[in-house]
């Protein structure tokens, strides 16, 4: 399901009172990356000592490329 389809579904699910109060805001700038929660001790590095990759961002980018 595309982002447009999700938005349309959400709009169509609004009742009349909700629709009367609803406003759509379109952002033309790039989406900000959410802040990451701090990791527990020892989770910030791989077994080889390298910094742990941000897996959530990698998955998001992979999904956006399809």
C-alpha atoms as a PDB file:
ATOM      1  CA  UNK A   1       0.000   0.000   0.000  1.00  0.00           C
ATOM      2  CA  UNK A   2       1.426   3.361  -0.987  1.00  0.00           C
ATOM      3  CA  UNK A   3       1.604   6.417   1.251  1.00  0.00           C
ATOM      4  CA  UNK A   4      -1.144   8.048  -0.820  1.00  0.00           C
ATOM      5  CA  UNK A   5      -3.385   5.009  -0.416  1.00  0.00           C
ATOM      6  CA  UNK A   6      -2.814   5.010   3.365  1.00  0.00           C
ATOM      7  CA  UNK A   7      -3.650   8.715   3.557  1.00  0.00           C
ATOM      8  CA  UNK A   8      -6.793   8.279   1.480  1.00  0.00           C
ATOM      9  CA  UNK A   9      -7.925   5.360   3.657  1.00  0.00           C
ATOM     10  CA  UNK A  10      -7.427   7.448   6.810  1.00  0.00           C
ATOM     11  CA  UNK A  11      -9.386  10.342   5.307  1.00  0.00           C
ATOM     12  CA  UNK A  12     -12.249   8.104   4.208  1.00  0.00           C
ATOM     13  CA  UNK A  13     -12.442   6.576   7.705  1.00  0.00           C
ATOM     14  CA  UNK A  14     -13.162   9.982   9.299  1.00  0.00           C
ATOM     15  CA  UNK A  15     -16.720  10.676  10.376  1.00  0.00           C
ATOM     16  CA  UNK A  16     -18.306  14.011   9.396  1.00  0.00           C
ATOM     17  CA  UNK A  17     -17.409  15.739  12.699  1.00  0.00           C
ATOM     18  CA  UNK A  18     -13.764  14.629  12.452  1.00  0.00           C
ATOM     19  CA  UNK A  19     -13.606  15.629   8.785  1.00  0.00           C
ATOM     20  CA  UNK A  20     -14.951  19.091   9.609  1.00  0.00           C
ATOM     21  CA  UNK A  21     -12.078  19.640  12.074  1.00  0.00           C
ATOM     22  CA  UNK A  22      -9.371  17.930   9.993  1.00  0.00           C
ATOM     23  CA  UNK A  23      -6.547  19.782   8.287  1.00  0.00           C
ATOM     24  CA  UNK A  24      -3.912  18.328   6.007  1.00  0.00           C
ATOM     25  CA  UNK A  25      -0.382  19.704   6.312  1.00  0.00           C
ATOM     26  CA  UNK A  26       2.044  18.887   3.514  1.00  0.00           C
ATOM     27  CA  UNK A  27       5.737  19.114   4.262  1.00  0.00           C
ATOM     28  CA  UNK A  28       7.990  19.786   1.288  1.00  0.00           C
ATOM     29  CA  UNK A  29      11.231  19.421   3.221  1.00  0.00           C
ATOM     30  CA  UNK A  30      13.060  16.195   3.963  1.00  0.00           C
ATOM     31  CA  UNK A  31      11.736  14.070   6.810  1.00  0.00           C
ATOM     32  CA  UNK A  32      13.794  14.341   9.981  1.00  0.00           C
ATOM     33  CA  UNK A  33      15.350  11.198  11.333  1.00  0.00           C
ATOM     34  CA  UNK A  34      13.834  10.264  14.705  1.00  0.00           C
ATOM     35  CA  UNK A  35      16.097  10.320  17.744  1.00  0.00           C
ATOM     36  CA  UNK A  36      17.410   6.958  18.789  1.00  0.00           C
ATOM     37  CA  UNK A  37      16.941   5.776  22.355  1.00  0.00           C
ATOM     38  CA  UNK A  38      20.222   5.094  24.151  1.00  0.00           C
ATOM     39  CA  UNK A  39      21.378   1.490  23.934  1.00  0.00           C
ATOM     40  CA  UNK A  40      22.143  -0.616  26.992  1.00  0.00           C
ATOM     41  CA  UNK A  41      25.841  -0.944  27.848  1.00  0.00           C
ATOM     42  CA  UNK A  42      27.638  -3.206  25.400  1.00  0.00           C
ATOM     43  CA  UNK A  43      24.998  -2.918  22.669  1.00  0.00           C
ATOM     44  CA  UNK A  44      26.623   0.043  20.925  1.00  0.00           C
ATOM     45  CA  UNK A  45      29.380  -2.039  19.339  1.00  0.00           C
ATOM     46  CA  UNK A  46      29.629  -5.171  17.242  1.00  0.00           C
ATOM     47  CA  UNK A  47      31.753  -8.105  18.389  1.00  0.00           C
ATOM     48  CA  UNK A  48      34.659  -6.644  16.393  1.00  0.00           C
ATOM     49  CA  UNK A  49      34.393  -3.289  18.205  1.00  0.00           C
ATOM     50  CA  UNK A  50      32.846  -1.352  15.317  1.00  0.00           C
ATOM     51  CA  UNK A  51      29.873   0.941  16.015  1.00  0.00           C
ATOM     52  CA  UNK A  52      26.531  -0.857  15.750  1.00  0.00           C
ATOM     53  CA  UNK A  53      24.729   0.082  12.500  1.00  0.00           C
ATOM     54  CA  UNK A  54      21.313   1.749  12.685  1.00  0.00           C
ATOM     55  CA  UNK A  55      19.249  -1.198  11.491  1.00  0.00           C
ATOM     56  CA  UNK A  56      15.932   0.691  11.596  1.00  0.00           C
ATOM     57  CA  UNK A  57      17.241   3.324   9.171  1.00  0.00           C
ATOM     58  CA  UNK A  58      18.684   0.621   6.905  1.00  0.00           C
ATOM     59  CA  UNK A  59      15.330  -1.188   6.757  1.00  0.00           C
ATOM     60  CA  UNK A  60      13.461   2.085   6.095  1.00  0.00           C
ATOM     61  CA  UNK A  61      15.813   3.017   3.248  1.00  0.00           C
ATOM     62  CA  UNK A  62      15.511  -0.452   1.762  1.00  0.00           C
ATOM     63  CA  UNK A  63      11.709  -0.262   1.828  1.00  0.00           C
ATOM     64  CA  UNK A  64      11.709   3.223   0.264  1.00  0.00           C
ATOM     65  CA  UNK A  65      13.845   2.035  -2.649  1.00  0.00           C
ATOM     66  CA  UNK A  66      11.221  -0.460  -3.869  1.00  0.00           C
END
